[in-house]
């Protein structure tokens, strides 16, 4: 399975990429919204883990563009804890909304196995 991690926090992308690769997933990385859309179109990942606050295009707009072209699973990953942001992400087509920070990496494995196509 191919997973794209898109976040302007390079440490977060590095950590998630390392962890996902260690669990056998192919990982595509992006560090801003425009790069996320470009790499998504080039690689067509099965799952996209997408931060909301990215430069150039925010995660909501990236999600909206992806949804207009694909059914790839999209998980919004953000430090926001406002309910209206969660609702907006889901309305833009995200499959789920996960909050940072998270501490249990095993829950990621279970979540991805249970929800990814």
C-alpha atoms as a PDB file:
ATOM      1  CA  UNK A   1       0.000   0.000   0.000  1.00  0.00           C
ATOM      2  CA  UNK A   2       1.218   3.489  -0.878  1.00  0.00           C
ATOM      3  CA  UNK A   3       0.659   6.278   1.659  1.00  0.00           C
ATOM      4  CA  UNK A   4       1.336   9.971   1.156  1.00  0.00           C
ATOM      5  CA  UNK A   5       2.264  12.079   4.179  1.00  0.00           C
ATOM      6  CA  UNK A   6       1.787  15.816   3.566  1.00  0.00           C
ATOM      7  CA  UNK A   7       2.780  18.240   6.321  1.00  0.00           C
ATOM      8  CA  UNK A   8       4.957  21.347   6.461  1.00  0.00           C
ATOM      9  CA  UNK A   9       6.455  20.028   9.708  1.00  0.00           C
ATOM     10  CA  UNK A  10       9.420  18.064   8.336  1.00  0.00           C
ATOM     11  CA  UNK A  11       9.990  16.320  11.661  1.00  0.00           C
ATOM     12  CA  UNK A  12       6.406  15.017  11.579  1.00  0.00           C
ATOM     13  CA  UNK A  13       6.811  13.828   7.980  1.00  0.00           C
ATOM     14  CA  UNK A  14      10.128  12.161   8.844  1.00  0.00           C
ATOM     15  CA  UNK A  15       8.691  10.436  11.908  1.00  0.00           C
ATOM     16  CA  UNK A  16       5.557   9.176  10.170  1.00  0.00           C
ATOM     17  CA  UNK A  17       7.525   8.114   7.076  1.00  0.00           C
ATOM     18  CA  UNK A  18      10.038   6.177   9.161  1.00  0.00           C
ATOM     19  CA  UNK A  19       7.295   4.488  11.130  1.00  0.00           C
ATOM     20  CA  UNK A  20       5.149   3.645   8.082  1.00  0.00           C
ATOM     21  CA  UNK A  21       8.118   2.296   6.093  1.00  0.00           C
ATOM     22  CA  UNK A  22       9.013   0.147   9.095  1.00  0.00           C
ATOM     23  CA  UNK A  23       5.546  -1.386   8.838  1.00  0.00           C
ATOM     24  CA  UNK A  24       5.953  -2.184   5.150  1.00  0.00           C
ATOM     25  CA  UNK A  25       4.183   0.760   3.525  1.00  0.00           C
ATOM     26  CA  UNK A  26       5.497   2.708   0.526  1.00  0.00           C
ATOM     27  CA  UNK A  27       5.628   6.384   1.487  1.00  0.00           C
ATOM     28  CA  UNK A  28       5.354   9.525  -0.622  1.00  0.00           C
ATOM     29  CA  UNK A  29       6.268  12.789   1.108  1.00  0.00           C
ATOM     30  CA  UNK A  30       5.099  16.366   0.541  1.00  0.00           C
ATOM     31  CA  UNK A  31       5.854  19.548   2.487  1.00  0.00           C
ATOM     32  CA  UNK A  32       3.290  22.057   1.187  1.00  0.00           C
ATOM     33  CA  UNK A  33      -0.136  21.967  -0.412  1.00  0.00           C
ATOM     34  CA  UNK A  34       0.969  22.477  -4.015  1.00  0.00           C
ATOM     35  CA  UNK A  35       3.585  19.758  -3.700  1.00  0.00           C
ATOM     36  CA  UNK A  36       0.970  17.461  -2.120  1.00  0.00           C
ATOM     37  CA  UNK A  37      -1.372  17.848  -5.094  1.00  0.00           C
ATOM     38  CA  UNK A  38       1.475  17.358  -7.590  1.00  0.00           C
ATOM     39  CA  UNK A  39       2.883  14.258  -5.880  1.00  0.00           C
ATOM     40  CA  UNK A  40      -0.567  12.839  -5.329  1.00  0.00           C
ATOM     41  CA  UNK A  41      -1.309  13.091  -9.068  1.00  0.00           C
ATOM     42  CA  UNK A  42       2.075  11.560  -9.945  1.00  0.00           C
ATOM     43  CA  UNK A  43       1.904   8.624  -7.525  1.00  0.00           C
ATOM     44  CA  UNK A  44      -1.818   8.002  -6.812  1.00  0.00           C
ATOM     45  CA  UNK A  45      -1.417   6.806  -3.215  1.00  0.00           C
ATOM     46  CA  UNK A  46      -4.062   4.622  -1.580  1.00  0.00           C
ATOM     47  CA  UNK A  47      -4.128   6.789   1.526  1.00  0.00           C
ATOM     48  CA  UNK A  48      -3.244  10.442   2.162  1.00  0.00           C
ATOM     49  CA  UNK A  49      -2.369  11.750   5.626  1.00  0.00           C
ATOM     50  CA  UNK A  50      -2.847  15.476   5.220  1.00  0.00           C
ATOM     51  CA  UNK A  51      -2.050  18.349   7.570  1.00  0.00           C
ATOM     52  CA  UNK A  52      -4.469  21.279   7.536  1.00  0.00           C
ATOM     53  CA  UNK A  53      -2.008  24.160   7.977  1.00  0.00           C
ATOM     54  CA  UNK A  54       0.387  23.989   5.053  1.00  0.00           C
ATOM     55  CA  UNK A  55       1.822  26.786   2.915  1.00  0.00           C
ATOM     56  CA  UNK A  56       0.690  27.480  -0.655  1.00  0.00           C
ATOM     57  CA  UNK A  57      -2.557  25.461  -0.361  1.00  0.00           C
ATOM     58  CA  UNK A  58      -4.100  24.484   2.949  1.00  0.00           C
ATOM     59  CA  UNK A  59      -5.093  20.910   3.639  1.00  0.00           C
ATOM     60  CA  UNK A  60      -8.783  21.642   3.179  1.00  0.00           C
ATOM     61  CA  UNK A  61      -8.191  22.840  -0.401  1.00  0.00           C
ATOM     62  CA  UNK A  62      -5.852  19.921  -1.133  1.00  0.00           C
ATOM     63  CA  UNK A  63      -8.525  17.531   0.134  1.00  0.00           C
ATOM     64  CA  UNK A  64     -11.185  19.232  -2.001  1.00  0.00           C
ATOM     65  CA  UNK A  65      -9.020  18.916  -5.131  1.00  0.00           C
ATOM     66  CA  UNK A  66      -8.238  15.268  -4.419  1.00  0.00           C
ATOM     67  CA  UNK A  67     -11.889  14.462  -3.843  1.00  0.00           C
ATOM     68  CA  UNK A  68     -12.833  15.947  -7.204  1.00  0.00           C
ATOM     69  CA  UNK A  69     -10.582  13.370  -8.905  1.00  0.00           C
ATOM     70  CA  UNK A  70     -10.342  10.262  -6.723  1.00  0.00           C
ATOM     71  CA  UNK A  71     -11.682   8.098  -3.958  1.00  0.00           C
ATOM     72  CA  UNK A  72      -8.300   7.710  -2.220  1.00  0.00           C
ATOM     73  CA  UNK A  73      -8.732   7.685   1.521  1.00  0.00           C
ATOM     74  CA  UNK A  74      -7.871  11.055   3.109  1.00  0.00           C
ATOM     75  CA  UNK A  75      -7.059  11.506   6.794  1.00  0.00           C
ATOM     76  CA  UNK A  76      -6.764  15.056   8.048  1.00  0.00           C
ATOM     77  CA  UNK A  77      -3.972  15.328  10.615  1.00  0.00           C
ATOM     78  CA  UNK A  78      -3.866  18.547  12.581  1.00  0.00           C
ATOM     79  CA  UNK A  79      -3.161  20.249  15.864  1.00  0.00           C
ATOM     80  CA  UNK A  80      -6.513  22.051  15.616  1.00  0.00           C
ATOM     81  CA  UNK A  81      -9.053  20.945  18.162  1.00  0.00           C
ATOM     82  CA  UNK A  82     -11.951  23.085  17.018  1.00  0.00           C
ATOM     83  CA  UNK A  83     -15.057  21.151  16.080  1.00  0.00           C
ATOM     84  CA  UNK A  84     -15.832  23.466  13.147  1.00  0.00           C
ATOM     85  CA  UNK A  85     -12.439  22.593  11.591  1.00  0.00           C
ATOM     86  CA  UNK A  86     -13.230  18.911  11.937  1.00  0.00           C
ATOM     87  CA  UNK A  87     -16.637  19.413  10.316  1.00  0.00           C
ATOM     88  CA  UNK A  88     -15.074  21.476   7.505  1.00  0.00           C
ATOM     89  CA  UNK A  89     -12.506  18.746   6.811  1.00  0.00           C
ATOM     90  CA  UNK A  90     -15.180  16.081   6.655  1.00  0.00           C
ATOM     91  CA  UNK A  91     -17.353  18.280   4.427  1.00  0.00           C
ATOM     92  CA  UNK A  92     -14.389  18.732   2.052  1.00  0.00           C
ATOM     93  CA  UNK A  93     -14.325  14.962   1.684  1.00  0.00           C
ATOM     94  CA  UNK A  94     -11.876  13.732   4.326  1.00  0.00           C
ATOM     95  CA  UNK A  95     -12.598  10.242   5.588  1.00  0.00           C
ATOM     96  CA  UNK A  96     -11.503  11.063   9.111  1.00  0.00           C
ATOM     97  CA  UNK A  97      -9.883  13.750  11.233  1.00  0.00           C
ATOM     98  CA  UNK A  98      -6.982  12.870  13.544  1.00  0.00           C
ATOM     99  CA  UNK A  99      -5.455  15.249  16.057  1.00  0.00           C
ATOM    100  CA  UNK A 100      -1.795  15.877  16.873  1.00  0.00           C
ATOM    101  CA  UNK A 101      -0.040  15.066  19.027  1.00  0.00           C
ATOM    102  CA  UNK A 102      -0.648  11.357  19.112  1.00  0.00           C
ATOM    103  CA  UNK A 103       1.306   8.926  21.192  1.00  0.00           C
ATOM    104  CA  UNK A 104       0.222   5.415  20.346  1.00  0.00           C
ATOM    105  CA  UNK A 105       1.781   4.344  17.052  1.00  0.00           C
ATOM    106  CA  UNK A 106       0.147   0.940  17.317  1.00  0.00           C
ATOM    107  CA  UNK A 107      -3.224   2.635  16.935  1.00  0.00           C
ATOM    108  CA  UNK A 108      -1.993   4.004  13.567  1.00  0.00           C
ATOM    109  CA  UNK A 109      -1.262   0.496  12.307  1.00  0.00           C
ATOM    110  CA  UNK A 110      -4.654  -0.738  13.411  1.00  0.00           C
ATOM    111  CA  UNK A 111      -6.391   2.331  12.010  1.00  0.00           C
ATOM    112  CA  UNK A 112      -4.719   2.043   8.612  1.00  0.00           C
ATOM    113  CA  UNK A 113      -5.286  -1.710   8.361  1.00  0.00           C
ATOM    114  CA  UNK A 114      -8.968  -1.347   9.222  1.00  0.00           C
ATOM    115  CA  UNK A 115      -9.755   1.692   7.088  1.00  0.00           C
ATOM    116  CA  UNK A 116      -7.501   1.783   4.045  1.00  0.00           C
ATOM    117  CA  UNK A 117      -8.687   0.341   0.728  1.00  0.00           C
END
